[in-house]
Protein backbone atom coordinates (compact mmCIF):
# COMPACT_ATOMS: atom_id res chain seq x y z
CA MET A 1 37.91 -11.52 5.34
CA THR A 2 40.49 -9.20 4.05
CA GLY A 3 42.03 -7.68 6.88
CA ILE A 4 42.47 -11.17 8.30
CA ILE A 5 44.13 -12.26 4.98
CA CYS A 6 46.39 -9.71 4.59
CA GLY A 7 47.22 -10.04 8.48
CA ILE A 8 48.21 -13.31 7.92
CA PHE A 9 50.54 -12.72 4.24
CA TYR A 10 52.67 -9.74 6.32
CA PHE A 11 52.75 -11.62 9.45
CA SER A 12 54.01 -15.23 7.15
CA LEU A 13 56.33 -12.77 5.32
CA VAL A 14 57.99 -10.98 8.59
CA THR A 15 58.44 -14.43 10.17
CA ILE A 16 60.24 -15.57 6.82
CA ILE A 17 62.13 -12.09 7.37
CA MET A 18 63.43 -12.28 11.20
CA LEU A 19 64.44 -16.70 10.67
CA PHE A 20 66.71 -15.21 7.97
CA ASP A 21 67.83 -12.05 10.41
CA ALA A 22 67.95 -14.69 13.73
CA VAL A 23 69.24 -18.50 11.99
CA ALA A 24 70.01 -18.44 8.81
CA VAL A 25 72.78 -15.26 9.32
CA PRO A 26 73.63 -15.49 13.06
CA ASP A 27 76.73 -14.29 12.87
CA ARG A 28 76.16 -11.02 11.45
CA PRO A 29 73.87 -7.92 12.97
CA ALA A 30 70.11 -7.90 11.74
CA VAL A 31 69.47 -5.63 9.14
CA TRP A 32 65.66 -6.32 8.06
CA THR A 33 64.32 -7.25 11.08
CA PRO A 34 64.50 -3.50 12.15
CA LEU A 35 63.68 -2.15 8.62
CA VAL A 36 60.49 -4.28 7.90
CA ILE A 37 59.52 -3.01 11.39
CA ALA A 38 60.00 0.56 10.94
CA LEU A 39 58.02 0.82 7.64
CA PHE A 40 55.54 -1.63 8.87
CA PRO A 41 53.22 1.13 8.63
CA MET A 42 53.57 2.63 5.61
CA VAL A 43 52.99 -0.96 3.43
CA TYR A 44 49.89 -2.08 5.39
CA ILE A 45 46.44 0.06 7.01
CA ASP A 46 45.67 -0.29 10.83
CA LYS A 47 44.85 1.47 13.76
CA MET A 48 47.03 2.34 15.77
CA TYR A 49 46.71 0.39 19.17
CA LYS A 50 46.81 -3.11 16.46
CA TYR A 51 50.22 -1.60 14.89
CA GLY A 52 51.59 -1.86 18.48
CA ILE A 53 50.47 -5.13 19.44
CA GLU A 54 51.65 -6.51 16.06
CA GLU A 55 54.71 -5.57 15.85
CA LEU A 56 55.04 -5.47 20.15
CA ILE A 57 54.37 -9.56 19.03
CA ALA A 58 57.00 -9.53 15.94
CA ILE A 59 59.91 -8.08 18.63
CA ILE A 60 59.12 -11.00 21.18
CA ILE A 61 59.37 -13.64 18.59
CA TYR A 62 62.47 -12.21 17.34
CA ALA A 63 63.72 -11.44 20.74
CA ILE A 64 63.28 -14.90 21.73
CA ILE A 65 64.24 -16.72 18.32
CA ALA A 66 67.46 -14.44 18.94
CA PHE A 67 68.28 -15.55 22.42
CA PHE A 68 69.65 -19.15 21.62
CA ASN A 69 70.99 -17.74 18.17
CA LYS A 70 72.86 -14.98 18.06
CA GLU A 71 75.82 -13.82 20.86
CA PRO A 72 75.00 -12.00 23.34
CA GLU A 73 76.63 -8.60 22.80
CA LEU A 74 75.28 -8.85 18.90
CA TYR A 75 71.84 -10.12 20.31
CA THR A 76 71.86 -6.87 23.52
CA ARG A 77 73.08 -4.19 19.87
CA GLU A 78 69.81 -5.52 18.03
CA LEU A 79 66.77 -5.39 20.82
CA TYR A 80 68.68 -1.10 21.21
CA MET A 81 68.21 -1.67 17.21
CA LEU A 82 64.48 -2.92 17.09
CA VAL A 83 63.05 -1.00 20.63
CA ALA A 84 64.62 2.01 18.30
CA ALA A 85 62.93 0.77 15.27
CA TYR A 86 59.11 0.61 17.16
CA VAL A 87 59.67 4.60 17.73
CA LEU A 88 60.04 5.61 14.95
CA SER A 89 57.17 2.65 13.43
CA MET A 90 54.87 3.94 16.22
CA LEU A 91 55.98 7.82 14.71
CA SER A 92 55.21 7.21 11.71
CA ALA A 93 52.08 5.42 12.62
CA HIS A 94 50.71 8.49 13.43
CA ILE A 95 51.94 10.67 10.71
CA ILE A 96 50.34 8.13 7.80
CA LEU A 97 47.62 7.79 9.90
CA VAL A 98 46.73 12.06 10.45
CA MET A 99 47.52 12.58 6.67
CA ARG A 100 44.78 9.21 5.73
CA SER A 101 42.27 10.85 7.55
CA ARG A 102 42.52 13.94 6.88
CA GLU A 103 42.39 13.14 3.02
CA GLY A 104 39.40 11.20 3.97
CA LEU A 105 37.73 13.48 5.51
CA ALA A 106 38.36 15.94 2.78
CA MET A 107 37.06 13.43 -0.08
CA ILE A 108 33.95 13.19 2.15
CA GLU A 109 33.75 16.18 2.04
CA LEU A 110 34.29 16.79 -1.60
CA ARG A 111 31.69 14.45 -2.83
CA GLN A 112 28.67 15.87 0.05
CA LEU A 113 29.58 19.11 -1.61
CA SER A 114 29.45 17.65 -4.98
CA SER A 115 26.22 15.68 -4.84
CA LEU A 116 24.12 19.23 -2.88
CA ASP A 117 22.64 21.55 -4.30
CA LYS A 118 24.67 25.42 -4.34
CA LEU A 119 21.45 27.34 -3.81
CA THR A 120 19.05 25.11 -1.66
CA HIS A 121 21.40 22.80 -0.04
CA VAL A 122 19.67 19.38 -0.87
CA LEU A 123 20.74 17.03 -3.50
CA ASN A 124 21.29 17.83 -6.37
CA LYS A 125 19.29 16.08 -9.10
CA ASP A 126 22.02 13.21 -10.10
CA ALA A 127 22.72 12.86 -6.61
CA LEU A 128 19.33 12.46 -6.07
CA MET A 129 18.54 9.86 -8.00
CA GLN A 130 21.41 7.49 -6.84
CA ARG A 131 20.55 7.01 -3.71
CA MET A 132 16.75 6.94 -4.56
CA GLU A 133 17.93 4.00 -6.44
CA TYR A 134 20.24 2.55 -3.83
CA GLN A 135 16.84 2.44 -1.24
CA TYR A 136 14.87 0.87 -3.99
CA MET A 137 17.89 -1.11 -4.07
CA GLN A 138 18.91 -2.20 0.25
CA LYS A 139 15.39 -1.85 1.15
CA LYS A 140 13.18 -5.47 1.40
CA PRO A 141 10.31 -5.44 -1.08
CA GLU A 142 7.39 -5.78 1.30
CA GLU A 143 8.60 -2.50 2.97
CA ALA A 144 6.59 0.24 2.23
CA CYS A 145 8.20 4.10 0.84
CA ALA A 146 6.77 7.36 0.12
CA MET A 147 7.83 9.26 -2.67
CA LEU A 148 6.68 12.98 -2.39
CA MET A 149 6.83 15.55 -5.56
CA ILE A 150 6.43 19.25 -5.25
CA ASP A 151 6.63 21.85 -7.46
CA LEU A 152 5.86 25.74 -6.56
CA ASP A 153 2.94 27.54 -7.85
CA ASN A 154 3.49 30.25 -10.26
CA PHE A 155 7.25 30.01 -9.98
CA LYS A 156 7.75 31.70 -13.46
CA ASP A 157 5.71 34.47 -12.20
CA VAL A 158 8.22 35.16 -9.03
CA ASN A 159 10.96 35.25 -11.38
CA ASP A 160 9.17 37.30 -14.16
CA ASN A 161 7.88 40.27 -11.47
CA LEU A 162 10.61 39.69 -8.42
CA GLY A 163 13.69 39.04 -9.97
CA HIS A 164 14.85 35.98 -10.33
CA ASP A 165 17.20 36.64 -6.85
CA ALA A 166 13.60 36.83 -5.35
CA GLY A 167 12.75 33.51 -7.30
CA ASP A 168 16.67 32.49 -5.14
CA ARG A 169 15.31 33.59 -2.59
CA LEU A 170 12.27 31.33 -2.69
CA LEU A 171 14.21 28.28 -3.37
CA GLU A 172 16.72 28.37 -0.80
CA ARG A 173 13.99 29.02 2.05
CA VAL A 174 11.79 26.45 0.00
CA GLY A 175 15.14 24.54 0.26
CA GLN A 176 15.56 24.53 4.43
CA LEU A 177 11.74 24.04 4.96
CA LEU A 178 12.48 20.64 3.29
CA ILE A 179 15.51 19.93 6.18
CA ASP A 180 13.35 21.06 8.86
CA ASN A 181 10.51 19.45 8.14
CA PHE A 182 11.22 15.81 7.28
CA ARG A 183 13.63 12.83 8.30
CA ALA A 184 17.58 13.57 8.93
CA TYR A 185 17.17 9.34 7.15
CA ASP A 186 14.68 10.77 3.99
CA ILE A 187 16.03 11.96 1.22
CA ILE A 188 15.27 14.92 -0.42
CA GLY A 189 16.85 15.91 -2.90
CA ARG A 190 16.03 18.75 -6.09
CA TYR A 191 14.76 17.60 -9.21
CA GLY A 192 15.28 20.58 -11.66
CA GLY A 193 14.29 23.91 -11.93
CA ASP A 194 11.57 24.18 -9.05
CA GLU A 195 10.25 20.99 -8.38
CA PHE A 196 11.65 19.28 -5.34
CA VAL A 197 11.45 15.26 -4.76
CA VAL A 198 11.53 13.38 -1.20
CA LEU A 199 11.38 9.97 -0.45
CA MET A 200 10.38 8.71 2.62
CA PRO A 201 11.28 4.88 4.02
CA LYS A 202 9.12 3.04 6.41
CA MET A 203 6.24 4.87 5.40
CA ASN A 204 3.24 3.28 4.76
CA ASP A 205 0.69 5.62 6.30
CA THR A 206 -1.32 7.60 3.80
CA THR A 207 -3.05 9.44 6.84
CA ILE A 208 0.18 10.71 8.38
CA LEU A 209 1.15 11.31 4.34
CA GLU A 210 -1.11 13.88 3.70
CA MET A 211 -1.03 15.19 6.93
CA ARG A 212 2.61 16.09 6.25
CA CYS A 213 2.18 17.18 2.94
CA ARG A 214 -0.29 19.44 4.53
CA THR A 215 2.11 20.94 6.86
CA LEU A 216 4.62 21.79 3.95
CA GLN A 217 2.29 23.69 2.45
CA MET A 218 1.00 25.38 5.22
CA PHE A 219 4.27 26.75 5.74
CA MET A 220 4.62 26.81 2.39
CA THR A 221 2.61 30.34 2.90
CA ASP A 222 4.94 31.69 5.51
CA ILE A 223 7.42 32.64 3.37
CA ASN A 224 7.85 35.96 3.09
CA LEU A 225 10.52 37.65 0.87
CA GLY A 226 9.01 41.30 1.87
CA ASN A 227 6.55 41.30 -0.14
CA GLY A 228 3.76 40.51 1.34
CA GLN A 229 3.21 37.82 -1.39
CA SER A 230 1.95 33.86 -0.46
CA PHE A 231 3.64 31.35 -2.11
CA THR A 232 2.17 27.58 -2.76
CA ALA A 233 2.54 24.08 -3.80
CA SER A 234 1.10 21.80 -5.64
CA ILE A 235 2.43 18.35 -4.54
CA GLY A 236 1.74 14.29 -5.85
CA ALA A 237 2.86 11.57 -3.02
CA ILE A 238 2.79 8.28 -3.07
CA ILE A 239 2.68 5.33 -1.15
CA ASP A 240 4.42 2.19 -2.53
CA ASP A 241 3.09 -1.06 -0.66
CA GLY A 242 4.74 -3.32 -3.02
CA ASN A 243 7.01 -4.88 -5.08
CA HIS A 244 7.52 -1.49 -7.61
CA THR A 245 10.71 0.08 -9.60
CA CYS A 246 12.12 3.22 -8.36
CA LYS A 247 11.08 4.06 -11.32
CA GLU A 248 7.24 3.17 -11.07
CA ILE A 249 6.35 4.77 -8.10
CA PHE A 250 9.11 8.11 -9.60
CA ARG A 251 6.47 8.44 -12.36
CA MET A 252 3.32 8.05 -10.13
CA ALA A 253 4.81 10.30 -7.81
CA ASP A 254 4.85 12.60 -11.30
CA ASP A 255 1.04 11.89 -12.25
CA ALA A 256 -0.38 12.59 -9.19
CA LEU A 257 1.78 15.89 -9.23
CA TYR A 258 -0.02 16.13 -12.65
CA LYS A 259 -2.86 15.78 -11.12
CA SER A 260 -2.52 18.18 -7.96
CA LYS A 261 -1.58 21.24 -10.17
CA LEU A 262 -4.41 20.14 -13.00
CA THR A 263 -6.97 21.09 -10.57
CA GLY A 264 -5.68 24.18 -8.22
CA LYS A 265 -3.22 25.50 -6.47
CA SER A 266 -1.55 24.27 -3.20
CA LYS A 267 -3.50 20.79 -4.11
CA CYS A 268 -2.62 17.26 -2.80
CA THR A 269 -3.02 14.45 -3.87
CA ALA A 270 -2.08 11.13 -2.66
CA TRP A 271 -1.78 7.73 -3.77
CA LYS A 272 -1.63 4.76 -2.38
CA ILE A 273 0.22 1.72 -4.58
CA ASP A 274 -0.82 -1.94 -3.25
CA GLY A 275 1.94 -4.06 -3.88
CA LEU A 276 -0.21 -6.12 -7.24
CA ASP A 277 1.19 -8.33 -10.13
CA TYR A 278 1.87 -5.94 -13.07
CA PRO A 279 -0.72 -7.58 -15.35
CA ILE A 280 0.13 -9.55 -18.62
CA LYS A 281 -3.12 -9.02 -19.93
CA PRO A 282 -4.18 -5.33 -21.95
CA VAL A 283 -6.39 -3.23 -19.60
CA LEU A 284 -9.44 -1.58 -19.11
CA ILE A 285 -11.06 0.63 -17.12
CA ALA A 286 -14.36 1.81 -16.12
CA LEU A 287 -15.79 4.63 -13.54
CA THR A 288 -18.52 3.20 -12.66
CA ASP A 289 -21.40 2.35 -9.28
CA ARG A 290 -23.45 -0.10 -11.58
CA ASP A 291 -23.84 -3.42 -10.72
CA ASP A 292 -25.81 -3.75 -14.13
CA GLY A 293 -23.43 -5.09 -16.37
CA LYS A 294 -23.66 -2.51 -18.34
CA PHE A 295 -20.38 -1.46 -18.42
CA LEU A 296 -17.05 -3.21 -19.59
CA GLY A 297 -19.37 -6.10 -20.42
CA LEU A 298 -18.02 -7.83 -22.55
CA THR A 299 -18.01 -11.78 -22.76
CA GLY A 300 -16.32 -14.37 -23.59
CA GLU A 301 -13.68 -14.11 -25.83
CA ASP A 302 -13.70 -10.63 -25.74
CA ALA A 303 -13.23 -10.63 -21.80
CA ASP A 304 -11.12 -13.20 -21.06
CA ARG A 305 -8.39 -11.52 -23.75
CA TYR A 306 -8.83 -8.06 -20.94
CA GLU A 307 -7.95 -7.39 -17.73
CA ILE A 308 -10.61 -5.05 -16.31
CA VAL A 309 -10.61 -2.73 -13.37
CA ARG A 310 -13.71 -1.28 -11.89
CA THR A 311 -13.46 1.92 -10.16
CA HIS A 312 -15.79 3.92 -8.12
CA ASN A 313 -14.03 7.46 -8.30
CA GLU A 314 -11.96 9.52 -10.56
CA ASP A 315 -9.41 9.79 -8.12
CA GLU A 316 -9.33 5.81 -7.45
CA ALA A 317 -9.56 5.85 -11.49
CA LEU A 318 -7.03 8.05 -11.85
CA ARG A 319 -4.56 5.99 -9.49
CA TYR A 320 -5.46 2.67 -11.50
CA ILE A 321 -4.98 4.78 -14.72
CA SER A 322 -1.29 5.92 -13.92
CA GLN A 323 -0.69 2.44 -12.29
CA TYR A 324 -1.54 0.12 -15.56
CA HIS A 325 -1.02 3.24 -18.50
CA GLU A 326 1.64 0.43 -20.15
CA LYS A 327 -1.18 -2.10 -20.03
CA LEU A 328 -3.90 0.51 -20.47
CA GLU A 329 -6.08 0.43 -23.59
CA LEU A 330 -9.63 1.90 -22.86
CA VAL A 331 -11.16 3.97 -20.53
CA GLU A 332 -15.13 4.04 -19.83
CA VAL A 333 -16.64 6.86 -17.57
CA ASP A 334 -19.66 6.54 -16.14
CA MET A 335 -20.24 10.68 -16.73
CA SER A 336 -23.25 10.68 -13.29
CA LEU A 337 -19.55 10.14 -11.25
CA VAL A 338 -17.74 13.08 -13.32
CA ASP A 339 -17.73 16.43 -11.39
CA GLU A 340 -18.06 19.47 -13.68
CA SER A 341 -14.54 20.29 -14.21
CA GLY A 342 -14.53 16.27 -15.56
CA ILE A 343 -10.76 16.14 -13.76
CA ILE A 344 -10.47 12.03 -15.27
CA ILE A 345 -11.34 12.84 -19.20
CA LYS A 346 -9.64 16.59 -18.98
CA TYR A 347 -6.36 14.33 -17.70
CA LEU A 348 -6.00 11.63 -19.93
CA LYS A 349 -6.69 14.10 -23.37
CA LYS A 350 -4.20 17.09 -21.13
CA ARG A 351 -1.17 14.89 -20.05
CA GLU A 352 0.39 14.05 -23.31
CA SER A 353 1.36 10.19 -22.09
CA PHE A 354 -2.21 9.34 -22.14
CA MET A 355 -3.94 11.14 -24.78
CA LYS A 356 -3.34 8.07 -27.06
CA ILE A 357 -5.91 5.89 -24.11
CA PRO A 358 -9.46 6.37 -25.89
CA ILE A 359 -12.17 7.32 -23.83
CA LEU A 360 -15.61 5.93 -24.35
CA ALA A 361 -18.21 7.95 -22.02
CA MET A 362 -21.90 6.63 -21.08
CA ALA A 363 -24.18 9.56 -20.17
CA SER A 364 -27.79 9.14 -18.75
CA SER A 365 -29.28 13.05 -19.96
CA PRO A 366 -28.61 15.13 -22.98
CA GLU A 367 -26.22 17.39 -20.01
CA GLU A 368 -24.16 14.89 -19.43
CA SER A 369 -23.84 14.04 -23.30
CA PHE A 370 -22.83 18.11 -24.07
CA GLN A 371 -19.98 18.42 -20.94
CA ALA A 372 -18.62 14.45 -22.00
CA LYS A 373 -17.92 15.87 -25.78
CA GLU A 374 -17.31 19.52 -24.34
CA LEU A 375 -14.23 17.26 -22.67
CA GLY A 376 -13.28 15.62 -25.22
CA ALA A 377 -14.59 12.09 -25.18
CA ASP A 378 -13.77 10.71 -28.33
CA GLU A 379 -16.68 8.45 -28.06
CA VAL A 380 -19.68 9.11 -26.23
CA LEU A 381 -22.85 6.77 -25.40
CA MET A 382 -26.10 7.34 -24.36
CA ILE A 383 -26.51 4.32 -21.35
CA ASP A 384 -29.74 2.93 -23.43
CA ALA A 385 -27.94 2.37 -26.40
CA THR A 386 -28.06 -1.58 -27.59
CA GLU A 387 -25.58 -4.12 -26.51
CA GLU A 388 -25.17 -4.76 -30.05
CA ILE A 389 -24.18 -0.78 -30.90
CA TYR A 390 -22.32 -0.57 -27.31
CA GLN A 391 -20.16 -4.31 -27.88
CA GLN A 392 -19.16 -2.16 -31.46
CA THR A 393 -17.76 0.66 -29.63
CA ILE A 394 -15.69 -0.78 -27.54
CA LYS A 395 -13.71 -2.49 -30.28
CA ARG A 396 -13.48 0.14 -32.41
CA LEU A 397 -11.97 2.63 -29.74
CA ILE A 398 -9.76 -0.13 -28.62
CA ARG A 399 -8.30 -0.36 -32.16
CA MET A 400 -7.34 2.82 -32.04
């Protein structure tokens, strides 16, 4: 539309000038028309072949008008001037377009260089965040995508034991590994230090995503800096299958990464986040496979006041904890579903953003009760506790 408007404006201007030279002053040599023809490429940006066609049309129109208004001798002289102006115009158009092209390429190259991390050759933090935000603005709400957050295990030990030069070489190798193993349109960047982020548009298959993560971890062990030491990475991966923002998915990927780091080296946690409506009411999460109504068995107004989410394993519970953490007011845990490491309680008590969420542990044996207290549960009740004690405990923890 801009091109059409500008074209109409310049064509109208040239027409007025040609009418002035050919009709208003028919007894004088044309001055303004050859000048406009010669200077046209300097004031109007267009393609070379369009310059040629546009100016040729203008010259033909002028020749027709002048034929009926100019003396033959003056008319012939003006035609020579217009041809000369046309040749000069094409020459200047070529020079100007070449200069603009070089300047444009230089600016593009400068922007690309300024957006790349000099060490790893992937996007730097600022460019990464901008590209991810832009991708989320452009994608359709129902379109799935995946985000990976990758953290090198024990990177500080590499710097301390092998030197910062070895650490730099490791980061450079990892950057190249990411470039080689992800799609051309995936957004890859270094978030900071030894953390990398990859955004994969149109990725919605958890199996494929986990396979990609394991392949990446396998290639990591093949990196050799000449000392025989193998290197590993922990990964948090999220598939956004709904209407979340880039900021929300980034936070959940970071939560998934924290879970991977908490469970050991070279681990991968992959969560698929459903496109559920964000709850308006406060959320209570129960980790249980019991159907006796004991877990979060709130009644009446108490039940209506909360959104109650039942989960059946620690990984599922952590996924919902990450997804709903801003609305989360209590987590209740059946200790029979907690492994020896107690990852869910450890996670909530070590992750700064979750430390204030109270945990109620329900134990069916003294051993489970002891384990819950050792892990740091805020309150421990036996499964056979009375309903009155159970309800009072929940209300007290929610008010914490």
